[in-house]
Structure formats: structure tokens, C-alpha cells
Amino acid sequence: PAPSLKREMRNLSEECNLEPVTVSMAYVYFEKLVLQGKLNKQNRKLCAGACVLLAAKISSDLRKHEVKHLIDKLEERFRFNRRDLIGFEFTVLVALELALYLPENQVLPHYRRLTQQS
């Protein structure tokens, strides 16, 4: 399920014109959650969505109305409720120990793969 979820994360990010570096950050957040054993069948889409949302916010890729558009898209694509997403965003923040600024060496491998694919 993780590879297909990551593909969804990427497709959705491209539709919302997010930069590859933003997607890369979302991937790193997502993988950290996977490694912590935080993912299950019920929450994996919320996890993916919250990671994309946090990455978009932190890389300041989006203006306010675009954040709303991104949330609409996430809600539609992953079929969850935006209230759940907003609540889960905090859960993810805590799980990541608020460490949203990532060292380059964590982001680069994903970034290279993404930019070579497109």
C-alpha cells in the first residue's frame, strides 16, 4: 500500500503545483511515520494527507487560498473528512517531534528520483 499511496501523494501534489522538494519532504515525513509503526489501515490515507499538507505549509509553497484548494483535493482524493485531516495534522506533528525542517540528506534521494521521473 505504501508505494501506491506515495504515487497518490505525488500525483495530487503535481495537480496542486507543489514543488518536487515539497513532495520529497512529505515522503520523508511519511516514511518516518511508517518506521515508527504509526500507520494502520484506518489512518494511512490521513497520514499521507497530513504529510503533504505539512510539507506544503513548511516549504511555504502555498498561499492561503491554495492551502484550502490542497485540502479540498486531499479530501476528495483520499476520501477523508477535512476535520479529521486537520486533527491528524497535529498527531503527525507530535509523532515527528515537530521536526519539520529536514536535513538535506533525507530529502535529496526522493528529490532526485522525482525530478528524474518527470
PDB file of N, CA and C in Angstrom:
ATOM      1  N   PRO A   1       0.810  -1.223   0.000  1.00  0.00           N
ATOM      2  CA  PRO A   1       0.000   0.000   0.000  1.00  0.00           C
ATOM      3  C   PRO A   1       0.842   1.271   0.000  1.00  0.00           C
ATOM      4  N   ALA A   2       2.026   1.241   0.622  1.00  0.00           N
ATOM      5  CA  ALA A   2       2.826   2.471   0.712  1.00  0.00           C
ATOM      6  C   ALA A   2       3.250   3.022  -0.653  1.00  0.00           C
ATOM      7  N   PRO A   3       3.745   2.184  -1.582  1.00  0.00           N
ATOM      8  CA  PRO A   3       4.135   2.753  -2.878  1.00  0.00           C
ATOM      9  C   PRO A   3       2.962   3.428  -3.598  1.00  0.00           C
ATOM     10  N   SER A   4       1.789   2.796  -3.568  1.00  0.00           N
ATOM     11  CA  SER A   4       0.651   3.389  -4.266  1.00  0.00           C
ATOM     12  C   SER A   4       0.209   4.677  -3.572  1.00  0.00           C
ATOM     13  N   LEU A   5       0.304   4.705  -2.255  1.00  0.00           N
ATOM     14  CA  LEU A   5      -0.035   5.927  -1.527  1.00  0.00           C
ATOM     15  C   LEU A   5       0.936   7.043  -1.889  1.00  0.00           C
ATOM     16  N   LYS A   6       2.210   6.696  -2.005  1.00  0.00           N
ATOM     17  CA  LYS A   6       3.191   7.703  -2.380  1.00  0.00           C
ATOM     18  C   LYS A   6       2.924   8.221  -3.789  1.00  0.00           C
ATOM     19  N   ARG A   7       2.493   7.311  -4.657  1.00  0.00           N
ATOM     20  CA  ARG A   7       2.150   7.738  -6.018  1.00  0.00           C
ATOM     21  C   ARG A   7       0.979   8.734  -5.963  1.00  0.00           C
ATOM     22  N   GLU A   8      -0.006   8.416  -5.139  1.00  0.00           N
ATOM     23  CA  GLU A   8      -1.140   9.333  -4.957  1.00  0.00           C
ATOM     24  C   GLU A   8      -0.668  10.688  -4.431  1.00  0.00           C
ATOM     25  N   MET A   9       0.236  10.639  -3.462  1.00  0.00           N
ATOM     26  CA  MET A   9       0.770  11.877  -2.889  1.00  0.00           C
ATOM     27  C   MET A   9       1.429  12.710  -3.981  1.00  0.00           C
ATOM     28  N   ARG A  10       2.189  12.027  -4.843  1.00  0.00           N
ATOM     29  CA  ARG A  10       2.896  12.743  -5.902  1.00  0.00           C
ATOM     30  C   ARG A  10       1.919  13.319  -6.924  1.00  0.00           C
ATOM     31  N   ASN A  11       0.965  12.500  -7.363  1.00  0.00           N
ATOM     32  CA  ASN A  11       0.011  12.959  -8.376  1.00  0.00           C
ATOM     33  C   ASN A  11      -0.776  14.165  -7.886  1.00  0.00           C
ATOM     34  N   LEU A  12      -1.244  14.051  -6.656  1.00  0.00           N
ATOM     35  CA  LEU A  12      -2.020  15.131  -6.073  1.00  0.00           C
ATOM     36  C   LEU A  12      -1.173  16.398  -5.939  1.00  0.00           C
ATOM     37  N   SER A  13       0.062  16.222  -5.542  1.00  0.00           N
ATOM     38  CA  SER A  13       0.963  17.365  -5.381  1.00  0.00           C
ATOM     39  C   SER A  13       1.205  18.050  -6.722  1.00  0.00           C
ATOM     40  N   GLU A  14       1.342  17.242  -7.765  1.00  0.00           N
ATOM     41  CA  GLU A  14       1.549  17.818  -9.097  1.00  0.00           C
ATOM     42  C   GLU A  14       0.309  18.585  -9.535  1.00  0.00           C
ATOM     43  N   GLU A  15      -0.871  18.026  -9.266  1.00  0.00           N
ATOM     44  CA  GLU A  15      -2.120  18.713  -9.623  1.00  0.00           C
ATOM     45  C   GLU A  15      -2.220  20.055  -8.913  1.00  0.00           C
ATOM     46  N   CYS A  16      -1.679  20.126  -7.711  1.00  0.00           N
ATOM     47  CA  CYS A  16      -1.727  21.376  -6.937  1.00  0.00           C
ATOM     48  C   CYS A  16      -0.471  22.219  -7.143  1.00  0.00           C
ATOM     49  N   ASN A  17       0.336  21.835  -8.124  1.00  0.00           N
ATOM     50  CA  ASN A  17       1.554  22.577  -8.467  1.00  0.00           C
ATOM     51  C   ASN A  17       2.547  22.718  -7.321  1.00  0.00           C
ATOM     52  N   LEU A  18       2.668  21.683  -6.509  1.00  0.00           N
ATOM     53  CA  LEU A  18       3.679  21.708  -5.460  1.00  0.00           C
ATOM     54  C   LEU A  18       5.027  21.344  -6.066  1.00  0.00           C
ATOM     55  N   GLU A  19       6.076  21.886  -5.489  1.00  0.00           N
ATOM     56  CA  GLU A  19       7.426  21.623  -5.971  1.00  0.00           C
ATOM     57  C   GLU A  19       7.860  20.208  -5.587  1.00  0.00           C
ATOM     58  N   PRO A  20       8.742  19.612  -6.405  1.00  0.00           N
ATOM     59  CA  PRO A  20       9.268  18.279  -6.067  1.00  0.00           C
ATOM     60  C   PRO A  20       9.887  18.214  -4.672  1.00  0.00           C
ATOM     61  N   VAL A  21      10.526  19.298  -4.238  1.00  0.00           N
ATOM     62  CA  VAL A  21      11.144  19.278  -2.915  1.00  0.00           C
ATOM     63  C   VAL A  21      10.073  19.144  -1.830  1.00  0.00           C
ATOM     64  N   THR A  22       8.908  19.712  -2.062  1.00  0.00           N
ATOM     65  CA  THR A  22       7.800  19.603  -1.110  1.00  0.00           C
ATOM     66  C   THR A  22       7.317  18.156  -1.017  1.00  0.00           C
ATOM     67  N   VAL A  23       7.176  17.531  -2.183  1.00  0.00           N
ATOM     68  CA  VAL A  23       6.765  16.125  -2.229  1.00  0.00           C
ATOM     69  C   VAL A  23       7.808  15.262  -1.520  1.00  0.00           C
ATOM     70  N   SER A  24       9.070  15.568  -1.751  1.00  0.00           N
ATOM     71  CA  SER A  24      10.156  14.817  -1.121  1.00  0.00           C
ATOM     72  C   SER A  24      10.071  14.898   0.399  1.00  0.00           C
ATOM     73  N   MET A  25       9.789  16.087   0.897  1.00  0.00           N
ATOM     74  CA  MET A  25       9.648  16.263   2.342  1.00  0.00           C
ATOM     75  C   MET A  25       8.464  15.455   2.866  1.00  0.00           C
ATOM     76  N   ALA A  26       7.357  15.487   2.132  1.00  0.00           N
ATOM     77  CA  ALA A  26       6.176  14.724   2.537  1.00  0.00           C
ATOM     78  C   ALA A  26       6.513  13.235   2.613  1.00  0.00           C
ATOM     79  N   TYR A  27       7.302  12.759   1.651  1.00  0.00           N
ATOM     80  CA  TYR A  27       7.725  11.355   1.649  1.00  0.00           C
ATOM     81  C   TYR A  27       8.532  11.013   2.899  1.00  0.00           C
ATOM     82  N   VAL A  28       9.459  11.909   3.253  1.00  0.00           N
ATOM     83  CA  VAL A  28      10.297  11.659   4.432  1.00  0.00           C
ATOM     84  C   VAL A  28       9.429  11.599   5.692  1.00  0.00           C
ATOM     85  N   TYR A  29       8.507  12.548   5.823  1.00  0.00           N
ATOM     86  CA  TYR A  29       7.595  12.518   6.977  1.00  0.00           C
ATOM     87  C   TYR A  29       6.847  11.189   7.008  1.00  0.00           C
ATOM     88  N   PHE A  30       6.334  10.812   5.846  1.00  0.00           N
ATOM     89  CA  PHE A  30       5.524   9.601   5.740  1.00  0.00           C
ATOM     90  C   PHE A  30       6.333   8.372   6.147  1.00  0.00           C
ATOM     91  N   GLU A  31       7.554   8.293   5.637  1.00  0.00           N
ATOM     92  CA  GLU A  31       8.410   7.137   5.959  1.00  0.00           C
ATOM     93  C   GLU A  31       8.744   7.085   7.445  1.00  0.00           C
ATOM     94  N   LYS A  32       8.933   8.253   8.042  1.00  0.00           N
ATOM     95  CA  LYS A  32       9.213   8.275   9.482  1.00  0.00           C
ATOM     96  C   LYS A  32       8.033   7.695  10.262  1.00  0.00           C
ATOM     97  N   LEU A  33       6.828   8.035   9.823  1.00  0.00           N
ATOM     98  CA  LEU A  33       5.635   7.501  10.482  1.00  0.00           C
ATOM     99  C   LEU A  33       5.538   5.992  10.292  1.00  0.00           C
ATOM    100  N   VAL A  34       5.871   5.529   9.096  1.00  0.00           N
ATOM    101  CA  VAL A  34       5.860   4.093   8.812  1.00  0.00           C
ATOM    102  C   VAL A  34       6.854   3.385   9.745  1.00  0.00           C
ATOM    103  N   LEU A  35       8.062   3.943   9.834  1.00  0.00           N
ATOM    104  CA  LEU A  35       9.104   3.333  10.668  1.00  0.00           C
ATOM    105  C   LEU A  35       8.727   3.332  12.146  1.00  0.00           C
ATOM    106  N   GLN A  36       7.968   4.329  12.556  1.00  0.00           N
ATOM    107  CA  GLN A  36       7.525   4.384  13.955  1.00  0.00           C
ATOM    108  C   GLN A  36       6.352   3.453  14.215  1.00  0.00           C
ATOM    109  N   GLY A  37       5.858   2.807  13.159  1.00  0.00           N
ATOM    110  CA  GLY A  37       4.719   1.912  13.305  1.00  0.00           C
ATOM    111  C   GLY A  37       3.412   2.650  13.551  1.00  0.00           C
ATOM    112  N   LYS A  38       3.340   3.893  13.087  1.00  0.00           N
ATOM    113  CA  LYS A  38       2.145   4.708  13.336  1.00  0.00           C
ATOM    114  C   LYS A  38       1.026   4.434  12.321  1.00  0.00           C
ATOM    115  N   LEU A  39       1.365   3.759  11.221  1.00  0.00           N
ATOM    116  CA  LEU A  39       0.376   3.578  10.165  1.00  0.00           C
ATOM    117  C   LEU A  39      -0.449   2.320  10.353  1.00  0.00           C
ATOM    118  N   ASN A  40      -1.737   2.445  10.097  1.00  0.00           N
ATOM    119  CA  ASN A  40      -2.590   1.268  10.008  1.00  0.00           C
ATOM    120  C   ASN A  40      -3.590   1.485   8.875  1.00  0.00           C
ATOM    121  N   LYS A  41      -4.401   0.496   8.630  1.00  0.00           N
ATOM    122  CA  LYS A  41      -5.332   0.566   7.507  1.00  0.00           C
ATOM    123  C   LYS A  41      -6.272   1.774   7.626  1.00  0.00           C
ATOM    124  N   GLN A  42      -6.675   2.082   8.848  1.00  0.00           N
ATOM    125  CA  GLN A  42      -7.621   3.174   9.051  1.00  0.00           C
ATOM    126  C   GLN A  42      -6.989   4.542   8.803  1.00  0.00           C
ATOM    127  N   ASN A  43      -5.740   4.711   9.213  1.00  0.00           N
ATOM    128  CA  ASN A  43      -5.198   6.074   9.215  1.00  0.00           C
ATOM    129  C   ASN A  43      -4.179   6.362   8.118  1.00  0.00           C
ATOM    130  N   ARG A  44      -3.862   5.363   7.288  1.00  0.00           N
ATOM    131  CA  ARG A  44      -2.738   5.598   6.362  1.00  0.00           C
ATOM    132  C   ARG A  44      -3.008   6.724   5.368  1.00  0.00           C
ATOM    133  N   LYS A  45      -4.272   6.866   4.921  1.00  0.00           N
ATOM    134  CA  LYS A  45      -4.574   7.958   3.988  1.00  0.00           C
ATOM    135  C   LYS A  45      -4.518   9.304   4.697  1.00  0.00           C
ATOM    136  N   LEU A  46      -4.983   9.324   5.944  1.00  0.00           N
ATOM    137  CA  LEU A  46      -4.872  10.550   6.731  1.00  0.00           C
ATOM    138  C   LEU A  46      -3.408  10.902   6.956  1.00  0.00           C
ATOM    139  N   CYS A  47      -2.606   9.893   7.223  1.00  0.00           N
ATOM    140  CA  CYS A  47      -1.156  10.111   7.386  1.00  0.00           C
ATOM    141  C   CYS A  47      -0.574  10.744   6.132  1.00  0.00           C
ATOM    142  N   ALA A  48      -0.872  10.135   4.996  1.00  0.00           N
ATOM    143  CA  ALA A  48      -0.352  10.634   3.721  1.00  0.00           C
ATOM    144  C   ALA A  48      -0.805  12.073   3.490  1.00  0.00           C
ATOM    145  N   GLY A  49      -2.080  12.324   3.726  1.00  0.00           N
ATOM    146  CA  GLY A  49      -2.618  13.662   3.513  1.00  0.00           C
ATOM    147  C   GLY A  49      -1.993  14.695   4.424  1.00  0.00           C
ATOM    148  N   ALA A  50      -1.860  14.337   5.691  1.00  0.00           N
ATOM    149  CA  ALA A  50      -1.282  15.270   6.659  1.00  0.00           C
ATOM    150  C   ALA A  50       0.185  15.563   6.315  1.00  0.00           C
ATOM    151  N   CYS A  51       0.900  14.557   5.828  1.00  0.00           N
ATOM    152  CA  CYS A  51       2.305  14.764   5.446  1.00  0.00           C
ATOM    153  C   CYS A  51       2.420  15.744   4.283  1.00  0.00           C
ATOM    154  N   VAL A  52       1.543  15.593   3.300  1.00  0.00           N
ATOM    155  CA  VAL A  52       1.548  16.516   2.159  1.00  0.00           C
ATOM    156  C   VAL A  52       1.214  17.938   2.629  1.00  0.00           C
ATOM    157  N   LEU A  53       0.202  18.027   3.470  1.00  0.00           N
ATOM    158  CA  LEU A  53      -0.235  19.338   3.944  1.00  0.00           C
ATOM    159  C   LEU A  53       0.868  20.034   4.746  1.00  0.00           C
ATOM    160  N   LEU A  54       1.489  19.293   5.642  1.00  0.00           N
ATOM    161  CA  LEU A  54       2.565  19.874   6.459  1.00  0.00           C
ATOM    162  C   LEU A  54       3.747  20.290   5.596  1.00  0.00           C
ATOM    163  N   ALA A  55       4.105  19.446   4.644  1.00  0.00           N
ATOM    164  CA  ALA A  55       5.238  19.773   3.771  1.00  0.00           C
ATOM    165  C   ALA A  55       4.937  21.032   2.966  1.00  0.00           C
ATOM    166  N   ALA A  56       3.707  21.132   2.471  1.00  0.00           N
ATOM    167  CA  ALA A  56       3.322  22.306   1.675  1.00  0.00           C
ATOM    168  C   ALA A  56       3.377  23.568   2.521  1.00  0.00           C
ATOM    169  N   LYS A  57       2.939  23.459   3.770  1.00  0.00           N
ATOM    170  CA  LYS A  57       2.953  24.624   4.645  1.00  0.00           C
ATOM    171  C   LYS A  57       4.375  25.028   5.007  1.00  0.00           C
ATOM    172  N   ILE A  58       5.189  24.038   5.328  1.00  0.00           N
ATOM    173  CA  ILE A  58       6.525  24.344   5.833  1.00  0.00           C
ATOM    174  C   ILE A  58       7.433  24.860   4.716  1.00  0.00           C
ATOM    175  N   SER A  59       7.221  24.377   3.512  1.00  0.00           N
ATOM    176  CA  SER A  59       8.062  24.852   2.408  1.00  0.00           C
ATOM    177  C   SER A  59       7.455  26.120   1.814  1.00  0.00           C
ATOM    178  N   SER A  60       6.431  26.627   2.472  1.00  0.00           N
ATOM    179  CA  SER A  60       5.685  27.821   2.061  1.00  0.00           C
ATOM    180  C   SER A  60       5.484  27.840   0.552  1.00  0.00           C
ATOM    181  N   ASP A  61       5.061  26.677   0.057  1.00  0.00           N
ATOM    182  CA  ASP A  61       4.789  26.517  -1.357  1.00  0.00           C
ATOM    183  C   ASP A  61       3.447  27.141  -1.714  1.00  0.00           C
ATOM    184  N   LEU A  62       2.639  27.421  -0.705  1.00  0.00           N
ATOM    185  CA  LEU A  62       1.249  27.775  -0.960  1.00  0.00           C
ATOM    186  C   LEU A  62       0.824  29.076  -0.301  1.00  0.00           C
ATOM    187  N   ARG A  63      -0.032  29.796  -0.999  1.00  0.00           N
ATOM    188  CA  ARG A  63      -0.712  30.922  -0.387  1.00  0.00           C
ATOM    189  C   ARG A  63      -1.991  30.397   0.259  1.00  0.00           C
ATOM    190  N   LYS A  64      -2.620  31.234   1.064  1.00  0.00           N
ATOM    191  CA  LYS A  64      -3.740  30.774   1.883  1.00  0.00           C
ATOM    192  C   LYS A  64      -4.848  30.082   1.074  1.00  0.00           C
ATOM    193  N   HIS A  65      -5.266  30.685  -0.024  1.00  0.00           N
ATOM    194  CA  HIS A  65      -6.364  30.070  -0.793  1.00  0.00           C
ATOM    195  C   HIS A  65      -5.912  28.754  -1.428  1.00  0.00           C
ATOM    196  N   GLU A  66      -4.616  28.639  -1.677  1.00  0.00           N
ATOM    197  CA  GLU A  66      -4.089  27.402  -2.254  1.00  0.00           C
ATOM    198  C   GLU A  66      -4.067  26.284  -1.218  1.00  0.00           C
ATOM    199  N   VAL A  67      -3.859  26.644   0.037  1.00  0.00           N
ATOM    200  CA  VAL A  67      -3.922  25.643   1.102  1.00  0.00           C
ATOM    201  C   VAL A  67      -5.331  25.051   1.159  1.00  0.00           C
ATOM    202  N   LYS A  68      -6.322  25.916   1.036  1.00  0.00           N
ATOM    203  CA  LYS A  68      -7.706  25.454   1.036  1.00  0.00           C
ATOM    204  C   LYS A  68      -7.936  24.508  -0.151  1.00  0.00           C
ATOM    205  N   HIS A  69      -7.421  24.893  -1.301  1.00  0.00           N
ATOM    206  CA  HIS A  69      -7.549  24.063  -2.511  1.00  0.00           C
ATOM    207  C   HIS A  69      -6.870  22.708  -2.300  1.00  0.00           C
ATOM    208  N   LEU A  70      -5.693  22.736  -1.689  1.00  0.00           N
ATOM    209  CA  LEU A  70      -4.972  21.491  -1.418  1.00  0.00           C
ATOM    210  C   LEU A  70      -5.784  20.595  -0.485  1.00  0.00           C
ATOM    211  N   ILE A  71      -6.365  21.192   0.550  1.00  0.00           N
ATOM    212  CA  ILE A  71      -7.174  20.408   1.490  1.00  0.00           C
ATOM    213  C   ILE A  71      -8.392  19.817   0.777  1.00  0.00           C
ATOM    214  N   ASP A  72      -9.027  20.610  -0.100  1.00  0.00           N
ATOM    215  CA  ASP A  72     -10.153  20.094  -0.896  1.00  0.00           C
ATOM    216  C   ASP A  72      -9.720  18.870  -1.695  1.00  0.00           C
ATOM    217  N   LYS A  73      -8.576  19.016  -2.353  1.00  0.00           N
ATOM    218  CA  LYS A  73      -8.051  17.941  -3.197  1.00  0.00           C
ATOM    219  C   LYS A  73      -7.744  16.686  -2.385  1.00  0.00           C
ATOM    220  N   LEU A  74      -7.098  16.900  -1.244  1.00  0.00           N
ATOM    221  CA  LEU A  74      -6.747  15.771  -0.368  1.00  0.00           C
ATOM    222  C   LEU A  74      -8.001  15.045   0.085  1.00  0.00           C
ATOM    223  N   GLU A  75      -8.987  15.832   0.453  1.00  0.00           N
ATOM    224  CA  GLU A  75     -10.251  15.296   0.954  1.00  0.00           C
ATOM    225  C   GLU A  75     -10.921  14.437  -0.122  1.00  0.00           C
ATOM    226  N   GLU A  76     -10.915  14.972  -1.334  1.00  0.00           N
ATOM    227  CA  GLU A  76     -11.550  14.316  -2.468  1.00  0.00           C
ATOM    228  C   GLU A  76     -10.778  13.050  -2.861  1.00  0.00           C
ATOM    229  N   ARG A  77      -9.464  13.160  -2.943  1.00  0.00           N
ATOM    230  CA  ARG A  77      -8.641  12.057  -3.434  1.00  0.00           C
ATOM    231  C   ARG A  77      -8.554  10.916  -2.422  1.00  0.00           C
ATOM    232  N   PHE A  78      -8.319  11.266  -1.168  1.00  0.00           N
ATOM    233  CA  PHE A  78      -8.112  10.230  -0.148  1.00  0.00           C
ATOM    234  C   PHE A  78      -9.409   9.884   0.589  1.00  0.00           C
ATOM    235  N   ARG A  79     -10.481  10.576   0.234  1.00  0.00           N
ATOM    236  CA  ARG A  79     -11.810  10.315   0.812  1.00  0.00           C
ATOM    237  C   ARG A  79     -11.820  10.331   2.333  1.00  0.00           C
ATOM    238  N   PHE A  80     -11.328  11.402   2.906  1.00  0.00           N
ATOM    239  CA  PHE A  80     -11.496  11.580   4.343  1.00  0.00           C
ATOM    240  C   PHE A  80     -12.105  12.946   4.589  1.00  0.00           C
ATOM    241  N   ASN A  81     -12.469  13.175   5.819  1.00  0.00           N
ATOM    242  CA  ASN A  81     -13.097  14.424   6.200  1.00  0.00           C
ATOM    243  C   ASN A  81     -12.025  15.441   6.590  1.00  0.00           C
ATOM    244  N   ARG A  82     -12.175  16.672   6.136  1.00  0.00           N
ATOM    245  CA  ARG A  82     -11.139  17.682   6.428  1.00  0.00           C
ATOM    246  C   ARG A  82     -10.953  17.893   7.929  1.00  0.00           C
ATOM    247  N   ARG A  83     -12.011  17.743   8.714  1.00  0.00           N
ATOM    248  CA  ARG A  83     -11.854  17.879  10.177  1.00  0.00           C
ATOM    249  C   ARG A  83     -10.892  16.821  10.699  1.00  0.00           C
ATOM    250  N   ASP A  84     -11.040  15.605  10.189  1.00  0.00           N
ATOM    251  CA  ASP A  84     -10.133  14.528  10.604  1.00  0.00           C
ATOM    252  C   ASP A  84      -8.705  14.853  10.179  1.00  0.00           C
ATOM    253  N   LEU A  85      -8.572  15.394   8.979  1.00  0.00           N
ATOM    254  CA  LEU A  85      -7.247  15.740   8.460  1.00  0.00           C
ATOM    255  C   LEU A  85      -6.573  16.777   9.344  1.00  0.00           C
ATOM    256  N   ILE A  86      -7.310  17.824   9.676  1.00  0.00           N
ATOM    257  CA  ILE A  86      -6.737  18.894  10.490  1.00  0.00           C
ATOM    258  C   ILE A  86      -6.344  18.349  11.866  1.00  0.00           C
ATOM    259  N   GLY A  87      -7.180  17.493  12.420  1.00  0.00           N
ATOM    260  CA  GLY A  87      -6.848  16.874  13.698  1.00  0.00           C
ATOM    261  C   GLY A  87      -5.620  15.988  13.579  1.00  0.00           C
ATOM    262  N   PHE A  88      -5.537  15.291  12.473  1.00  0.00           N
ATOM    263  CA  PHE A  88      -4.434  14.348  12.298  1.00  0.00           C
ATOM    264  C   PHE A  88      -3.118  15.051  12.019  1.00  0.00           C
ATOM    265  N   GLU A  89      -3.218  16.235  11.457  1.00  0.00           N
ATOM    266  CA  GLU A  89      -2.025  17.031  11.195  1.00  0.00           C
ATOM    267  C   GLU A  89      -1.241  17.215  12.496  1.00  0.00           C
ATOM    268  N   PHE A  90      -1.977  17.456  13.564  1.00  0.00           N
ATOM    269  CA  PHE A  90      -1.331  17.650  14.864  1.00  0.00           C
ATOM    270  C   PHE A  90      -0.699  16.349  15.361  1.00  0.00           C
ATOM    271  N   THR A  91      -1.419  15.243  15.186  1.00  0.00           N
ATOM    272  CA  THR A  91      -0.894  13.927  15.564  1.00  0.00           C
ATOM    273  C   THR A  91       0.439  13.656  14.875  1.00  0.00           C
ATOM    274  N   VAL A  92       0.488  13.986  13.586  1.00  0.00           N
ATOM    275  CA  VAL A  92       1.705  13.768  12.804  1.00  0.00           C
ATOM    276  C   VAL A  92       2.822  14.673  13.302  1.00  0.00           C
ATOM    277  N   LEU A  93       2.483  15.933  13.572  1.00  0.00           N
ATOM    278  CA  LEU A  93       3.473  16.870  14.114  1.00  0.00           C
ATOM    279  C   LEU A  93       4.118  16.314  15.377  1.00  0.00           C
ATOM    280  N   VAL A  94       3.281  15.792  16.252  1.00  0.00           N
ATOM    281  CA  VAL A  94       3.782  15.249  17.517  1.00  0.00           C
ATOM    282  C   VAL A  94       4.656  14.017  17.256  1.00  0.00           C
ATOM    283  N   ALA A  95       4.182  13.156  16.358  1.00  0.00           N
ATOM    284  CA  ALA A  95       4.945  11.943  16.032  1.00  0.00           C
ATOM    285  C   ALA A  95       6.313  12.303  15.456  1.00  0.00           C
ATOM    286  N   LEU A  96       6.364  13.393  14.696  1.00  0.00           N
ATOM    287  CA  LEU A  96       7.630  13.835  14.097  1.00  0.00           C
ATOM    288  C   LEU A  96       8.416  14.709  15.070  1.00  0.00           C
ATOM    289  N   GLU A  97       7.913  14.842  16.275  1.00  0.00           N
ATOM    290  CA  GLU A  97       8.547  15.663  17.312  1.00  0.00           C
ATOM    291  C   GLU A  97       8.788  17.080  16.815  1.00  0.00           C
ATOM    292  N   LEU A  98       7.837  17.582  16.024  1.00  0.00           N
ATOM    293  CA  LEU A  98       7.870  18.932  15.485  1.00  0.00           C
ATOM    294  C   LEU A  98       9.070  19.195  14.584  1.00  0.00           C
ATOM    295  N   ALA A  99       9.792  18.142  14.220  1.00  0.00           N
ATOM    296  CA  ALA A  99      10.992  18.325  13.396  1.00  0.00           C
ATOM    297  C   ALA A  99      10.608  18.346  11.920  1.00  0.00           C
ATOM    298  N   LEU A 100      10.063  19.476  11.471  1.00  0.00           N
ATOM    299  CA  LEU A 100       9.594  19.561  10.092  1.00  0.00           C
ATOM    300  C   LEU A 100      10.674  20.033   9.129  1.00  0.00           C
ATOM    301  N   TYR A 101      11.681  20.702   9.675  1.00  0.00           N
ATOM    302  CA  TYR A 101      12.787  21.085   8.803  1.00  0.00           C
ATOM    303  C   TYR A 101      13.750  19.916   8.734  1.00  0.00           C
ATOM    304  N   LEU A 102      13.884  19.382   7.540  1.00  0.00           N
ATOM    305  CA  LEU A 102      14.636  18.142   7.389  1.00  0.00           C
ATOM    306  C   LEU A 102      16.040  18.409   6.881  1.00  0.00           C
ATOM    307  N   PRO A 103      16.994  17.604   7.343  1.00  0.00           N
ATOM    308  CA  PRO A 103      18.334  17.704   6.764  1.00  0.00           C
ATOM    309  C   PRO A 103      18.291  17.314   5.286  1.00  0.00           C
ATOM    310  N   GLU A 104      19.103  18.000   4.521  1.00  0.00           N
ATOM    311  CA  GLU A 104      19.119  17.809   3.075  1.00  0.00           C
ATOM    312  C   GLU A 104      19.301  16.343   2.675  1.00  0.00           C
ATOM    313  N   ASN A 105      20.143  15.633   3.426  1.00  0.00           N
ATOM    314  CA  ASN A 105      20.443  14.254   3.025  1.00  0.00           C
ATOM    315  C   ASN A 105      19.233  13.330   3.125  1.00  0.00           C
ATOM    316  N   GLN A 106      18.212  13.738   3.881  1.00  0.00           N
ATOM    317  CA  GLN A 106      16.987  12.940   3.954  1.00  0.00           C
ATOM    318  C   GLN A 106      16.070  13.231   2.777  1.00  0.00           C
ATOM    319  N   VAL A 107      16.127  14.461   2.293  1.00  0.00           N
ATOM    320  CA  VAL A 107      15.208  14.897   1.250  1.00  0.00           C
ATOM    321  C   VAL A 107      15.748  14.597  -0.151  1.00  0.00           C
ATOM    322  N   LEU A 108      17.061  14.731  -0.307  1.00  0.00           N
ATOM    323  CA  LEU A 108      17.671  14.638  -1.635  1.00  0.00           C
ATOM    324  C   LEU A 108      17.382  13.365  -2.427  1.00  0.00           C
ATOM    325  N   PRO A 109      17.479  12.173  -1.808  1.00  0.00           N
ATOM    326  CA  PRO A 109      17.240  10.964  -2.612  1.00  0.00           C
ATOM    327  C   PRO A 109      15.867  10.958  -3.278  1.00  0.00           C
ATOM    328  N   HIS A 110      14.850  11.396  -2.535  1.00  0.00           N
ATOM    329  CA  HIS A 110      13.497  11.458  -3.088  1.00  0.00           C
ATOM    330  C   HIS A 110      13.429  12.516  -4.183  1.00  0.00           C
ATOM    331  N   TYR A 111      14.050  13.637  -3.879  1.00  0.00           N
ATOM    332  CA  TYR A 111      14.025  14.747  -4.826  1.00  0.00           C
ATOM    333  C   TYR A 111      14.637  14.328  -6.157  1.00  0.00           C
ATOM    334  N   ARG A 112      15.769  13.654  -6.084  1.00  0.00           N
ATOM    335  CA  ARG A 112      16.432  13.195  -7.326  1.00  0.00           C
ATOM    336  C   ARG A 112      15.523  12.264  -8.107  1.00  0.00           C
ATOM    337  N   ARG A 113      14.916  11.303  -7.391  1.00  0.00           N
ATOM    338  CA  ARG A 113      14.026  10.360  -8.067  1.00  0.00           C
ATOM    339  C   ARG A 113      12.856  11.085  -8.719  1.00  0.00           C
ATOM    340  N   LEU A 114      12.270  12.015  -8.007  1.00  0.00           N
ATOM    341  CA  LEU A 114      11.102  12.730  -8.533  1.00  0.00           C
ATOM    342  C   LEU A 114      11.459  13.567  -9.755  1.00  0.00           C
ATOM    343  N   THR A 115      12.593  14.221  -9.703  1.00  0.00           N
ATOM    344  CA  THR A 115      12.951  15.110 -10.809  1.00  0.00           C
ATOM    345  C   THR A 115      13.443  14.311 -12.012  1.00  0.00           C
ATOM    346  N   GLN A 116      13.934  13.106 -11.787  1.00  0.00           N
ATOM    347  CA  GLN A 116      14.333  12.271 -12.923  1.00  0.00           C
ATOM    348  C   GLN A 116      13.117  11.652 -13.595  1.00  0.00           C
ATOM    349  N   GLN A 117      12.070  11.396 -12.813  1.00  0.00           N
ATOM    350  CA  GLN A 117      10.882  10.767 -13.368  1.00  0.00           C
ATOM    351  C   GLN A 117      10.105  11.699 -14.292  1.00  0.00           C
ATOM    352  N   SER A 118      10.070  12.977 -13.916  1.00  0.00           N
ATOM    353  CA  SER A 118       9.190  13.877 -14.674  1.00  0.00           C
ATOM    354  C   SER A 118       9.823  14.320 -15.988  1.00  0.00           C
TER     355      SER A 118
END
